[in-house]
Amino acid sequence: MENTEIAAVLSQVGTLLEIQGANPFRIRAYENASRTVAEHPVPLRALVAEGADLKDLPGIGKDMAGYIKELVDTGRLRVLDELTREIPATLLDLMRLPGVGPKKARKLWKELGVETLEQLETAARAGRVEELDGFGPKTQTRILEAIAKGRQQGVRFRLSEAEQIIAPLVAHLRSHAGARRVEVAGSYRRMKDTVGDLDFLNPANGVTGGSLPCPCPPRAP
């Protein structure tokens, strides 16, 4: 697995733990580990193959080092499998909507039985979402508007998901012999809630830039 894939899995575990209401320190451990992996310049699969001590990396303890090795060796993580048996992974899709964080995703799931965007749209159209504590009519309207907009524009990803792959991508582009300066532009630079693609500029070379779809973690089936 590539670093971006490992980071995405660790981030997903952290998010599901947050939905579950787990210990904040445990959640933060996965978030920190995900960031470390995403920003590391050397493929962790190479470090594992060399027998390197992953605990030397910032924010990587004994358990996390074992999880990374498990991902590299098997492509799967038992902790994530256990969580997705308890918590619908589709709740992550709800969190791509502006204003819907882990706590609200959990409330929609536990109190309305909502697990998917389609179920959320149905519940919102029936006026059931605005009845929940912490939501209200304005939030319900924003949710419906965001779902409709997403359907028109295609898949978009939360800013936090895009951040996981920005650093290694920029590092790779900057290492190219023809690049003297690389900057991220577009919705990511403007720190929008969601990102549809990543725009890169190489202004020092007089290049106006290029765009590619956000290679963020695919939605879980």
N, C-alpha and C. Protein backbone atom coordinates (compact mmCIF):
# COMPACT_ATOMS: atom_id res chain seq x y z
N MET A 1 0.83 -1.20 0.00
CA MET A 1 0.00 0.00 0.00
C MET A 1 0.87 1.25 0.00
N GLU A 2 0.39 2.29 -0.67
CA GLU A 2 1.10 3.57 -0.68
C GLU A 2 0.78 4.34 0.61
N ASN A 3 1.60 5.32 0.91
CA ASN A 3 1.40 6.11 2.12
C ASN A 3 0.03 6.76 2.17
N THR A 4 -0.43 7.26 1.02
CA THR A 4 -1.74 7.92 1.00
C THR A 4 -2.86 6.94 1.35
N GLU A 5 -2.74 5.70 0.91
CA GLU A 5 -3.75 4.70 1.22
C GLU A 5 -3.74 4.32 2.69
N ILE A 6 -2.54 4.16 3.25
CA ILE A 6 -2.41 3.85 4.67
C ILE A 6 -2.99 4.99 5.50
N ALA A 7 -2.63 6.23 5.12
CA ALA A 7 -3.13 7.40 5.85
C ALA A 7 -4.65 7.47 5.80
N ALA A 8 -5.22 7.15 4.64
CA ALA A 8 -6.67 7.20 4.49
C ALA A 8 -7.36 6.20 5.40
N VAL A 9 -6.80 5.00 5.52
CA VAL A 9 -7.38 3.98 6.39
C VAL A 9 -7.31 4.43 7.85
N LEU A 10 -6.17 4.93 8.27
CA LEU A 10 -6.02 5.38 9.65
C LEU A 10 -6.98 6.54 9.95
N SER A 11 -7.14 7.43 8.99
CA SER A 11 -8.06 8.55 9.16
C SER A 11 -9.50 8.04 9.28
N GLN A 12 -9.84 7.03 8.47
CA GLN A 12 -11.19 6.48 8.52
C GLN A 12 -11.47 5.84 9.88
N VAL A 13 -10.48 5.15 10.41
CA VAL A 13 -10.64 4.55 11.74
C VAL A 13 -10.90 5.65 12.77
N GLY A 14 -10.11 6.72 12.71
CA GLY A 14 -10.28 7.82 13.65
C GLY A 14 -11.67 8.44 13.56
N THR A 15 -12.17 8.60 12.35
CA THR A 15 -13.49 9.19 12.16
C THR A 15 -14.59 8.27 12.69
N LEU A 16 -14.48 6.99 12.42
CA LEU A 16 -15.48 6.04 12.92
C LEU A 16 -15.45 5.98 14.45
N LEU A 17 -14.26 6.06 15.03
CA LEU A 17 -14.17 6.09 16.49
C LEU A 17 -14.84 7.33 17.06
N GLU A 18 -14.72 8.44 16.33
CA GLU A 18 -15.37 9.68 16.78
C GLU A 18 -16.88 9.54 16.72
N ILE A 19 -17.39 8.91 15.67
CA ILE A 19 -18.83 8.64 15.58
C ILE A 19 -19.26 7.74 16.73
N GLN A 20 -18.42 6.78 17.05
CA GLN A 20 -18.71 5.83 18.13
C GLN A 20 -18.70 6.51 19.50
N GLY A 21 -18.00 7.63 19.60
CA GLY A 21 -17.89 8.31 20.88
C GLY A 21 -16.74 7.78 21.71
N ALA A 22 -15.68 7.33 21.05
CA ALA A 22 -14.53 6.74 21.74
C ALA A 22 -13.72 7.82 22.47
N ASN A 23 -12.73 7.37 23.23
CA ASN A 23 -11.85 8.26 23.97
C ASN A 23 -11.17 9.25 23.01
N PRO A 24 -11.23 10.55 23.29
CA PRO A 24 -10.62 11.56 22.39
C PRO A 24 -9.13 11.33 22.15
N PHE A 25 -8.41 10.81 23.16
CA PHE A 25 -6.98 10.57 22.98
C PHE A 25 -6.74 9.46 21.95
N ARG A 26 -7.62 8.47 21.95
CA ARG A 26 -7.49 7.38 20.97
C ARG A 26 -7.79 7.91 19.57
N ILE A 27 -8.79 8.74 19.46
CA ILE A 27 -9.14 9.34 18.16
C ILE A 27 -7.97 10.17 17.64
N ARG A 28 -7.41 10.99 18.53
CA ARG A 28 -6.31 11.88 18.14
C ARG A 28 -5.08 11.08 17.71
N ALA A 29 -4.89 9.91 18.32
CA ALA A 29 -3.74 9.08 17.95
C ALA A 29 -3.81 8.66 16.49
N TYR A 30 -5.01 8.31 16.03
CA TYR A 30 -5.17 7.93 14.63
C TYR A 30 -5.03 9.14 13.71
N GLU A 31 -5.55 10.28 14.13
CA GLU A 31 -5.43 11.49 13.31
C GLU A 31 -3.96 11.88 13.15
N ASN A 32 -3.21 11.85 14.25
CA ASN A 32 -1.80 12.21 14.20
C ASN A 32 -1.00 11.22 13.35
N ALA A 33 -1.30 9.93 13.52
CA ALA A 33 -0.60 8.90 12.75
C ALA A 33 -0.89 9.05 11.26
N SER A 34 -2.15 9.33 10.94
CA SER A 34 -2.53 9.53 9.53
C SER A 34 -1.75 10.68 8.92
N ARG A 35 -1.63 11.76 9.67
CA ARG A 35 -0.90 12.93 9.16
C ARG A 35 0.58 12.61 8.97
N THR A 36 1.16 11.89 9.93
CA THR A 36 2.57 11.52 9.83
C THR A 36 2.83 10.67 8.60
N VAL A 37 1.97 9.69 8.38
CA VAL A 37 2.13 8.78 7.24
C VAL A 37 1.98 9.54 5.92
N ALA A 38 0.96 10.38 5.84
CA ALA A 38 0.69 11.12 4.59
C ALA A 38 1.85 12.05 4.22
N GLU A 39 2.51 12.62 5.23
CA GLU A 39 3.57 13.60 4.97
C GLU A 39 4.95 12.98 4.87
N HIS A 40 5.06 11.69 5.17
CA HIS A 40 6.39 11.08 5.17
C HIS A 40 6.91 10.91 3.74
N PRO A 41 8.13 11.32 3.47
CA PRO A 41 8.65 11.29 2.10
C PRO A 41 9.03 9.89 1.60
N VAL A 42 9.21 8.94 2.51
CA VAL A 42 9.63 7.59 2.14
C VAL A 42 8.43 6.64 2.24
N PRO A 43 8.21 5.77 1.24
CA PRO A 43 7.10 4.81 1.33
C PRO A 43 7.26 3.93 2.58
N LEU A 44 6.23 3.85 3.38
CA LEU A 44 6.32 3.04 4.59
C LEU A 44 6.46 1.56 4.28
N ARG A 45 5.97 1.15 3.10
CA ARG A 45 6.14 -0.26 2.73
C ARG A 45 7.63 -0.59 2.60
N ALA A 46 8.42 0.39 2.17
CA ALA A 46 9.86 0.18 2.06
C ALA A 46 10.49 0.08 3.45
N LEU A 47 10.01 0.91 4.37
CA LEU A 47 10.53 0.86 5.74
C LEU A 47 10.19 -0.48 6.40
N VAL A 48 8.96 -0.95 6.15
CA VAL A 48 8.55 -2.24 6.71
C VAL A 48 9.41 -3.36 6.13
N ALA A 49 9.66 -3.30 4.82
CA ALA A 49 10.48 -4.33 4.17
C ALA A 49 11.90 -4.34 4.72
N GLU A 50 12.39 -3.15 5.11
CA GLU A 50 13.75 -3.05 5.65
C GLU A 50 13.82 -3.45 7.13
N GLY A 51 12.64 -3.62 7.74
CA GLY A 51 12.62 -3.93 9.16
C GLY A 51 12.87 -2.73 10.04
N ALA A 52 12.62 -1.54 9.50
CA ALA A 52 12.84 -0.31 10.26
C ALA A 52 11.87 -0.22 11.42
N ASP A 53 12.25 0.48 12.46
CA ASP A 53 11.40 0.68 13.62
C ASP A 53 10.47 1.86 13.36
N LEU A 54 9.21 1.57 13.09
CA LEU A 54 8.25 2.62 12.77
C LEU A 54 7.97 3.51 13.96
N LYS A 55 8.30 3.05 15.15
CA LYS A 55 8.06 3.86 16.34
C LYS A 55 8.96 5.10 16.38
N ASP A 56 9.95 5.13 15.51
CA ASP A 56 10.81 6.30 15.42
C ASP A 56 10.10 7.47 14.74
N LEU A 57 8.99 7.19 14.07
CA LEU A 57 8.24 8.25 13.38
C LEU A 57 7.38 9.01 14.39
N PRO A 58 7.19 10.31 14.19
CA PRO A 58 6.38 11.13 15.12
C PRO A 58 4.95 10.59 15.23
N GLY A 59 4.48 10.43 16.45
CA GLY A 59 3.10 10.04 16.67
C GLY A 59 2.81 8.57 16.43
N ILE A 60 3.83 7.76 16.22
CA ILE A 60 3.64 6.33 15.96
C ILE A 60 4.13 5.53 17.17
N GLY A 61 3.19 4.95 17.90
CA GLY A 61 3.55 4.11 19.04
C GLY A 61 3.58 2.64 18.63
N LYS A 62 3.69 1.79 19.63
CA LYS A 62 3.82 0.35 19.36
C LYS A 62 2.60 -0.19 18.64
N ASP A 63 1.40 0.12 19.15
CA ASP A 63 0.18 -0.40 18.52
C ASP A 63 0.02 0.13 17.10
N MET A 64 0.25 1.44 16.92
CA MET A 64 0.07 2.03 15.60
C MET A 64 1.08 1.47 14.61
N ALA A 65 2.29 1.22 15.07
CA ALA A 65 3.30 0.62 14.20
C ALA A 65 2.84 -0.76 13.74
N GLY A 66 2.21 -1.51 14.65
CA GLY A 66 1.68 -2.82 14.28
C GLY A 66 0.56 -2.72 13.27
N TYR A 67 -0.29 -1.71 13.42
CA TYR A 67 -1.40 -1.53 12.47
C TYR A 67 -0.86 -1.19 11.07
N ILE A 68 0.15 -0.34 11.03
CA ILE A 68 0.73 0.03 9.73
C ILE A 68 1.35 -1.19 9.07
N LYS A 69 2.06 -2.00 9.83
CA LYS A 69 2.67 -3.21 9.28
C LYS A 69 1.58 -4.18 8.80
N GLU A 70 0.48 -4.26 9.53
CA GLU A 70 -0.63 -5.11 9.13
C GLU A 70 -1.20 -4.65 7.79
N LEU A 71 -1.35 -3.34 7.62
CA LEU A 71 -1.86 -2.80 6.36
C LEU A 71 -0.91 -3.08 5.20
N VAL A 72 0.38 -2.89 5.45
CA VAL A 72 1.37 -3.13 4.40
C VAL A 72 1.39 -4.61 4.02
N ASP A 73 1.32 -5.50 5.01
CA ASP A 73 1.43 -6.94 4.76
C ASP A 73 0.16 -7.55 4.17
N THR A 74 -1.01 -7.05 4.61
CA THR A 74 -2.27 -7.71 4.23
C THR A 74 -3.22 -6.83 3.41
N GLY A 75 -3.01 -5.51 3.44
CA GLY A 75 -3.92 -4.62 2.74
C GLY A 75 -5.20 -4.37 3.49
N ARG A 76 -5.31 -4.92 4.71
CA ARG A 76 -6.52 -4.75 5.52
C ARG A 76 -6.12 -4.41 6.95
N LEU A 77 -7.12 -3.97 7.72
CA LEU A 77 -6.88 -3.65 9.12
C LEU A 77 -8.05 -4.19 9.93
N ARG A 78 -7.76 -5.12 10.83
CA ARG A 78 -8.82 -5.76 11.60
C ARG A 78 -9.61 -4.76 12.44
N VAL A 79 -8.93 -3.75 12.95
CA VAL A 79 -9.62 -2.73 13.75
C VAL A 79 -10.71 -2.06 12.91
N LEU A 80 -10.40 -1.74 11.66
CA LEU A 80 -11.38 -1.12 10.79
C LEU A 80 -12.52 -2.09 10.47
N ASP A 81 -12.19 -3.34 10.21
CA ASP A 81 -13.23 -4.34 9.93
C ASP A 81 -14.20 -4.46 11.10
N GLU A 82 -13.66 -4.45 12.32
CA GLU A 82 -14.50 -4.56 13.50
C GLU A 82 -15.40 -3.33 13.65
N LEU A 83 -14.85 -2.16 13.38
CA LEU A 83 -15.64 -0.93 13.49
C LEU A 83 -16.76 -0.88 12.47
N THR A 84 -16.48 -1.30 11.24
CA THR A 84 -17.51 -1.24 10.20
C THR A 84 -18.58 -2.31 10.37
N ARG A 85 -18.31 -3.30 11.21
CA ARG A 85 -19.38 -4.25 11.55
C ARG A 85 -20.34 -3.63 12.56
N GLU A 86 -19.83 -2.65 13.30
CA GLU A 86 -20.64 -1.98 14.33
C GLU A 86 -21.23 -0.66 13.84
N ILE A 87 -20.44 0.05 13.02
CA ILE A 87 -20.85 1.38 12.57
C ILE A 87 -20.89 1.39 11.04
N PRO A 88 -22.01 1.78 10.44
CA PRO A 88 -22.08 1.81 8.97
C PRO A 88 -21.05 2.77 8.39
N ALA A 89 -20.20 2.27 7.52
CA ALA A 89 -19.17 3.11 6.91
C ALA A 89 -19.80 4.20 6.04
N THR A 90 -21.04 4.00 5.61
CA THR A 90 -21.71 5.01 4.78
C THR A 90 -21.98 6.29 5.54
N LEU A 91 -21.85 6.26 6.88
CA LEU A 91 -22.02 7.49 7.65
C LEU A 91 -20.94 8.51 7.28
N LEU A 92 -19.82 8.03 6.75
CA LEU A 92 -18.76 8.94 6.31
C LEU A 92 -19.24 9.81 5.16
N ASP A 93 -20.15 9.27 4.34
CA ASP A 93 -20.71 10.05 3.24
C ASP A 93 -21.51 11.23 3.78
N LEU A 94 -22.23 11.02 4.89
CA LEU A 94 -23.03 12.09 5.48
C LEU A 94 -22.12 13.22 5.95
N MET A 95 -20.94 12.85 6.42
CA MET A 95 -20.02 13.85 6.96
C MET A 95 -19.35 14.68 5.87
N ARG A 96 -19.58 14.34 4.62
CA ARG A 96 -19.08 15.17 3.52
C ARG A 96 -19.99 16.37 3.28
N LEU A 97 -21.14 16.37 3.96
CA LEU A 97 -22.07 17.49 3.83
C LEU A 97 -21.64 18.59 4.80
N PRO A 98 -21.69 19.85 4.37
CA PRO A 98 -21.33 20.96 5.26
C PRO A 98 -22.17 20.94 6.54
N GLY A 99 -21.48 21.07 7.67
CA GLY A 99 -22.20 21.14 8.94
C GLY A 99 -22.53 19.82 9.58
N VAL A 100 -22.22 18.71 8.91
CA VAL A 100 -22.50 17.39 9.49
C VAL A 100 -21.18 16.76 9.93
N GLY A 101 -20.92 16.82 11.23
CA GLY A 101 -19.73 16.21 11.79
C GLY A 101 -20.06 14.86 12.39
N PRO A 102 -19.11 14.26 13.09
CA PRO A 102 -19.32 12.93 13.67
C PRO A 102 -20.52 12.85 14.62
N LYS A 103 -20.67 13.86 15.47
CA LYS A 103 -21.77 13.83 16.44
C LYS A 103 -23.13 13.89 15.76
N LYS A 104 -23.24 14.73 14.74
CA LYS A 104 -24.52 14.83 14.04
C LYS A 104 -24.79 13.59 13.20
N ALA A 105 -23.71 13.03 12.61
CA ALA A 105 -23.89 11.79 11.85
C ALA A 105 -24.39 10.68 12.77
N ARG A 106 -23.83 10.61 13.98
CA ARG A 106 -24.27 9.61 14.95
C ARG A 106 -25.73 9.83 15.34
N LYS A 107 -26.13 11.09 15.55
CA LYS A 107 -27.51 11.39 15.93
C LYS A 107 -28.49 11.00 14.81
N LEU A 108 -28.13 11.30 13.57
CA LEU A 108 -28.98 10.92 12.44
C LEU A 108 -29.14 9.40 12.37
N TRP A 109 -28.05 8.71 12.63
CA TRP A 109 -28.06 7.24 12.57
C TRP A 109 -28.86 6.65 13.72
N LYS A 110 -28.56 7.09 14.95
CA LYS A 110 -29.18 6.50 16.13
C LYS A 110 -30.65 6.88 16.29
N GLU A 111 -31.00 8.12 15.96
CA GLU A 111 -32.35 8.60 16.23
C GLU A 111 -33.30 8.49 15.04
N LEU A 112 -32.75 8.53 13.83
CA LEU A 112 -33.61 8.44 12.65
C LEU A 112 -33.35 7.17 11.83
N GLY A 113 -32.32 6.42 12.18
CA GLY A 113 -31.99 5.22 11.41
C GLY A 113 -31.40 5.54 10.06
N VAL A 114 -30.86 6.75 9.90
CA VAL A 114 -30.29 7.18 8.62
C VAL A 114 -28.85 6.68 8.51
N GLU A 115 -28.56 5.99 7.41
CA GLU A 115 -27.21 5.48 7.18
C GLU A 115 -26.63 5.95 5.85
N THR A 116 -27.48 6.40 4.92
CA THR A 116 -27.01 6.79 3.59
C THR A 116 -27.53 8.18 3.22
N LEU A 117 -26.94 8.76 2.19
CA LEU A 117 -27.40 10.06 1.70
C LEU A 117 -28.85 9.98 1.22
N GLU A 118 -29.20 8.88 0.58
CA GLU A 118 -30.57 8.71 0.09
C GLU A 118 -31.56 8.70 1.25
N GLN A 119 -31.21 7.98 2.32
CA GLN A 119 -32.09 7.94 3.49
C GLN A 119 -32.16 9.30 4.17
N LEU A 120 -31.04 10.02 4.19
CA LEU A 120 -31.02 11.35 4.78
C LEU A 120 -31.90 12.30 3.99
N GLU A 121 -31.82 12.23 2.67
CA GLU A 121 -32.65 13.10 1.84
C GLU A 121 -34.13 12.82 2.08
N THR A 122 -34.49 11.55 2.16
CA THR A 122 -35.89 11.18 2.41
C THR A 122 -36.36 11.72 3.76
N ALA A 123 -35.52 11.55 4.79
CA ALA A 123 -35.88 12.03 6.12
C ALA A 123 -36.00 13.54 6.16
N ALA A 124 -35.10 14.24 5.45
CA ALA A 124 -35.14 15.70 5.43
C ALA A 124 -36.37 16.20 4.70
N ARG A 125 -36.72 15.57 3.60
CA ARG A 125 -37.89 15.99 2.84
C ARG A 125 -39.17 15.77 3.65
N ALA A 126 -39.13 14.80 4.55
CA ALA A 126 -40.30 14.52 5.40
C ALA A 126 -40.31 15.43 6.64
N GLY A 127 -39.29 16.28 6.79
CA GLY A 127 -39.23 17.20 7.92
C GLY A 127 -38.78 16.56 9.21
N ARG A 128 -38.18 15.39 9.15
CA ARG A 128 -37.78 14.69 10.37
C ARG A 128 -36.43 15.17 10.90
N VAL A 129 -35.59 15.67 10.02
CA VAL A 129 -34.25 16.10 10.43
C VAL A 129 -34.32 17.34 11.31
N GLU A 130 -35.15 18.29 10.96
CA GLU A 130 -35.22 19.54 11.72
C GLU A 130 -35.74 19.34 13.13
N GLU A 131 -36.34 18.20 13.40
CA GLU A 131 -36.87 17.92 14.73
C GLU A 131 -35.80 17.47 15.71
N LEU A 132 -34.61 17.12 15.21
CA LEU A 132 -33.54 16.65 16.08
C LEU A 132 -32.84 17.82 16.77
N ASP A 133 -32.40 17.59 18.01
CA ASP A 133 -31.63 18.61 18.73
C ASP A 133 -30.35 18.91 17.96
N GLY A 134 -30.05 20.20 17.80
CA GLY A 134 -28.83 20.60 17.12
C GLY A 134 -28.97 20.76 15.63
N PHE A 135 -30.15 20.52 15.08
CA PHE A 135 -30.36 20.66 13.64
C PHE A 135 -31.25 21.87 13.34
N GLY A 136 -32.54 21.69 13.29
CA GLY A 136 -33.43 22.81 12.99
C GLY A 136 -33.71 22.97 11.51
N PRO A 137 -34.67 23.85 11.16
CA PRO A 137 -35.08 24.03 9.76
C PRO A 137 -33.95 24.49 8.83
N LYS A 138 -33.09 25.40 9.32
CA LYS A 138 -32.02 25.92 8.46
C LYS A 138 -31.03 24.82 8.11
N THR A 139 -30.67 24.01 9.10
CA THR A 139 -29.73 22.91 8.83
C THR A 139 -30.35 21.91 7.88
N GLN A 140 -31.61 21.62 8.07
CA GLN A 140 -32.31 20.68 7.19
C GLN A 140 -32.30 21.19 5.75
N THR A 141 -32.55 22.48 5.58
CA THR A 141 -32.54 23.07 4.23
C THR A 141 -31.15 23.00 3.62
N ARG A 142 -30.12 23.31 4.42
CA ARG A 142 -28.74 23.26 3.91
C ARG A 142 -28.36 21.84 3.49
N ILE A 143 -28.83 20.88 4.25
CA ILE A 143 -28.53 19.48 3.91
C ILE A 143 -29.15 19.12 2.56
N LEU A 144 -30.41 19.49 2.37
CA LEU A 144 -31.08 19.19 1.11
C LEU A 144 -30.40 19.91 -0.06
N GLU A 145 -30.01 21.15 0.16
CA GLU A 145 -29.33 21.91 -0.90
C GLU A 145 -27.98 21.28 -1.23
N ALA A 146 -27.25 20.84 -0.21
CA ALA A 146 -25.94 20.24 -0.44
C ALA A 146 -26.05 18.92 -1.18
N ILE A 147 -27.06 18.12 -0.84
CA ILE A 147 -27.26 16.85 -1.54
C ILE A 147 -27.59 17.10 -3.01
N ALA A 148 -28.47 18.08 -3.25
CA ALA A 148 -28.85 18.40 -4.63
C ALA A 148 -27.65 18.94 -5.41
N LYS A 149 -26.87 19.79 -4.77
CA LYS A 149 -25.70 20.36 -5.44
C LYS A 149 -24.67 19.28 -5.73
N GLY A 150 -24.49 18.37 -4.78
CA GLY A 150 -23.54 17.27 -4.99
C GLY A 150 -23.96 16.38 -6.14
N ARG A 151 -25.25 16.18 -6.28
CA ARG A 151 -25.75 15.33 -7.37
C ARG A 151 -25.47 15.99 -8.73
N GLN A 152 -25.54 17.31 -8.76
CA GLN A 152 -25.30 18.04 -10.01
C GLN A 152 -23.81 18.10 -10.35
N GLN A 153 -22.98 18.28 -9.33
CA GLN A 153 -21.55 18.51 -9.56
C GLN A 153 -20.72 17.25 -9.53
N GLY A 154 -21.28 16.15 -9.04
CA GLY A 154 -20.50 14.93 -8.91
C GLY A 154 -19.92 14.82 -7.52
N VAL A 155 -19.07 13.84 -7.32
CA VAL A 155 -18.51 13.55 -6.00
C VAL A 155 -17.53 14.64 -5.56
N ARG A 156 -17.69 15.10 -4.33
CA ARG A 156 -16.75 16.02 -3.72
C ARG A 156 -16.30 15.43 -2.39
N PHE A 157 -15.15 15.89 -1.90
CA PHE A 157 -14.59 15.34 -0.68
C PHE A 157 -14.36 16.44 0.34
N ARG A 158 -14.44 16.06 1.61
CA ARG A 158 -14.21 17.01 2.68
C ARG A 158 -12.76 17.51 2.64
N LEU A 159 -12.59 18.74 3.09
CA LEU A 159 -11.26 19.36 3.08
C LEU A 159 -10.25 18.50 3.83
N SER A 160 -10.66 17.92 4.95
CA SER A 160 -9.74 17.09 5.75
C SER A 160 -9.27 15.87 4.97
N GLU A 161 -10.13 15.32 4.10
CA GLU A 161 -9.73 14.17 3.30
C GLU A 161 -8.71 14.59 2.23
N ALA A 162 -8.94 15.76 1.62
CA ALA A 162 -8.01 16.24 0.60
C ALA A 162 -6.64 16.55 1.21
N GLU A 163 -6.64 17.04 2.46
CA GLU A 163 -5.39 17.39 3.12
C GLU A 163 -4.45 16.19 3.26
N GLN A 164 -5.03 14.98 3.34
CA GLN A 164 -4.23 13.78 3.54
C GLN A 164 -3.28 13.51 2.38
N ILE A 165 -3.66 13.96 1.18
CA ILE A 165 -2.84 13.62 0.02
C ILE A 165 -2.14 14.84 -0.59
N ILE A 166 -2.42 16.04 -0.06
CA ILE A 166 -1.81 17.25 -0.62
C ILE A 166 -0.30 17.25 -0.45
N ALA A 167 0.18 17.01 0.77
CA ALA A 167 1.62 17.13 1.05
C ALA A 167 2.47 16.21 0.18
N PRO A 168 2.16 14.90 0.10
CA PRO A 168 3.00 14.04 -0.74
C PRO A 168 2.91 14.39 -2.23
N LEU A 169 1.74 14.85 -2.68
CA LEU A 169 1.60 15.23 -4.09
C LEU A 169 2.46 16.45 -4.41
N VAL A 170 2.39 17.45 -3.54
CA VAL A 170 3.18 18.66 -3.75
C VAL A 170 4.67 18.33 -3.72
N ALA A 171 5.07 17.49 -2.76
CA ALA A 171 6.48 17.10 -2.66
C ALA A 171 6.94 16.41 -3.94
N HIS A 172 6.10 15.53 -4.48
CA HIS A 172 6.46 14.81 -5.70
C HIS A 172 6.59 15.78 -6.88
N LEU A 173 5.64 16.71 -7.01
CA LEU A 173 5.69 17.66 -8.13
C LEU A 173 6.90 18.59 -8.01
N ARG A 174 7.20 19.02 -6.78
CA ARG A 174 8.33 19.92 -6.59
C ARG A 174 9.67 19.24 -6.84
N SER A 175 9.69 17.91 -6.73
CA SER A 175 10.95 17.18 -6.97
C SER A 175 11.26 17.04 -8.46
N HIS A 176 10.29 17.37 -9.31
CA HIS A 176 10.49 17.26 -10.76
C HIS A 176 11.48 18.33 -11.23
N ALA A 177 12.35 17.93 -12.13
CA ALA A 177 13.40 18.84 -12.58
C ALA A 177 12.85 20.11 -13.23
N GLY A 178 11.68 20.01 -13.86
CA GLY A 178 11.13 21.16 -14.56
C GLY A 178 10.32 22.09 -13.68
N ALA A 179 10.18 21.76 -12.41
CA ALA A 179 9.36 22.58 -11.52
C ALA A 179 10.24 23.41 -10.59
N ARG A 180 10.06 24.72 -10.63
CA ARG A 180 10.82 25.60 -9.73
C ARG A 180 9.96 26.08 -8.57
N ARG A 181 8.65 26.10 -8.79
CA ARG A 181 7.74 26.52 -7.72
C ARG A 181 6.37 25.89 -8.00
N VAL A 182 5.83 25.18 -7.05
CA VAL A 182 4.52 24.54 -7.20
C VAL A 182 3.61 25.01 -6.09
N GLU A 183 2.42 25.47 -6.44
CA GLU A 183 1.45 25.94 -5.46
C GLU A 183 0.10 25.26 -5.69
N VAL A 184 -0.63 25.05 -4.61
CA VAL A 184 -1.98 24.49 -4.70
C VAL A 184 -2.96 25.64 -4.83
N ALA A 185 -3.89 25.52 -5.76
CA ALA A 185 -4.86 26.59 -5.99
C ALA A 185 -6.28 26.03 -5.85
N GLY A 186 -7.23 26.78 -6.35
CA GLY A 186 -8.61 26.30 -6.38
C GLY A 186 -9.30 26.27 -5.02
N SER A 187 -10.27 25.37 -4.89
CA SER A 187 -11.09 25.32 -3.68
C SER A 187 -10.29 24.92 -2.45
N TYR A 188 -9.20 24.16 -2.64
CA TYR A 188 -8.37 23.80 -1.48
C TYR A 188 -7.66 25.03 -0.93
N ARG A 189 -7.09 25.84 -1.79
CA ARG A 189 -6.39 27.05 -1.34
C ARG A 189 -7.35 28.00 -0.64
N ARG A 190 -8.62 28.02 -1.12
CA ARG A 190 -9.62 28.90 -0.51
C ARG A 190 -10.23 28.28 0.74
N MET A 191 -9.76 27.06 1.11
CA MET A 191 -10.20 26.36 2.32
C MET A 191 -11.71 26.16 2.35
N LYS A 192 -12.26 25.74 1.19
CA LYS A 192 -13.68 25.43 1.14
C LYS A 192 -13.95 24.14 1.92
N ASP A 193 -15.22 23.94 2.31
CA ASP A 193 -15.57 22.75 3.09
C ASP A 193 -15.33 21.47 2.32
N THR A 194 -15.57 21.52 0.99
CA THR A 194 -15.38 20.33 0.17
C THR A 194 -14.53 20.65 -1.04
N VAL A 195 -13.87 19.61 -1.58
CA VAL A 195 -12.96 19.76 -2.72
C VAL A 195 -13.33 18.74 -3.78
N GLY A 196 -13.49 19.21 -5.02
CA GLY A 196 -13.84 18.30 -6.10
C GLY A 196 -12.62 17.85 -6.89
N ASP A 197 -11.65 18.75 -7.04
CA ASP A 197 -10.40 18.40 -7.71
C ASP A 197 -9.29 19.26 -7.12
N LEU A 198 -8.07 18.94 -7.50
CA LEU A 198 -6.92 19.66 -6.99
C LEU A 198 -6.27 20.43 -8.14
N ASP A 199 -6.07 21.72 -7.93
CA ASP A 199 -5.47 22.58 -8.94
C ASP A 199 -4.06 22.95 -8.52
N PHE A 200 -3.10 22.75 -9.44
CA PHE A 200 -1.71 23.05 -9.15
C PHE A 200 -1.19 24.09 -10.14
N LEU A 201 -0.37 25.02 -9.63
CA LEU A 201 0.23 26.05 -10.46
C LEU A 201 1.75 25.95 -10.37
N ASN A 202 2.39 26.24 -11.50
CA ASN A 202 3.85 26.33 -11.54
C ASN A 202 4.19 27.70 -12.12
N PRO A 203 3.84 28.78 -11.37
CA PRO A 203 3.95 30.14 -11.92
C PRO A 203 5.36 30.55 -12.29
N ALA A 204 6.36 30.00 -11.63
CA ALA A 204 7.75 30.40 -11.93
C ALA A 204 8.14 30.03 -13.35
N ASN A 205 7.50 29.00 -13.90
CA ASN A 205 7.82 28.56 -15.26
C ASN A 205 6.84 29.12 -16.28
N GLY A 206 5.96 30.01 -15.84
CA GLY A 206 5.00 30.59 -16.75
C GLY A 206 3.88 29.65 -17.12
N VAL A 207 3.70 28.59 -16.34
CA VAL A 207 2.64 27.64 -16.62
C VAL A 207 1.40 28.04 -15.85
N THR A 208 0.27 28.08 -16.52
CA THR A 208 -0.95 28.51 -15.85
C THR A 208 -1.46 27.48 -14.87
N GLY A 209 -1.13 26.23 -15.05
CA GLY A 209 -1.52 25.22 -14.07
C GLY A 209 -2.26 24.06 -14.68
N GLY A 210 -2.63 23.13 -13.81
CA GLY A 210 -3.37 21.95 -14.24
C GLY A 210 -4.28 21.48 -13.13
N SER A 211 -5.18 20.58 -13.47
CA SER A 211 -6.15 20.10 -12.50
C SER A 211 -6.29 18.60 -12.63
N LEU A 212 -6.51 17.94 -11.51
CA LEU A 212 -6.77 16.51 -11.53
C LEU A 212 -7.81 16.18 -10.49
N PRO A 213 -8.60 15.10 -10.73
CA PRO A 213 -9.61 14.73 -9.74
C PRO A 213 -8.96 14.46 -8.41
N CYS A 214 -9.67 14.82 -7.34
CA CYS A 214 -9.12 14.59 -6.01
C CYS A 214 -8.97 13.09 -5.77
N PRO A 215 -7.72 12.58 -5.61
CA PRO A 215 -7.51 11.15 -5.43
C PRO A 215 -7.69 10.74 -3.99
N CYS A 216 -8.83 11.13 -3.40
CA CYS A 216 -9.10 10.87 -2.00
C CYS A 216 -9.61 9.45 -1.83
N PRO A 217 -9.70 8.97 -0.58
CA PRO A 217 -10.17 7.60 -0.36
C PRO A 217 -11.51 7.35 -0.98
N PRO A 218 -11.72 6.27 -1.72
CA PRO A 218 -13.01 6.00 -2.30
C PRO A 218 -14.04 5.75 -1.24
N ARG A 219 -15.30 6.05 -1.54
CA ARG A 219 -16.35 5.79 -0.59
C ARG A 219 -16.48 4.29 -0.35
N ALA A 220 -16.67 3.97 0.89
CA ALA A 220 -16.80 2.56 1.23
C ALA A 220 -18.09 2.00 0.66
N PRO A 221 -18.09 0.73 0.17
CA PRO A 221 -19.31 0.15 -0.38
C PRO A 221 -20.31 -0.09 0.72
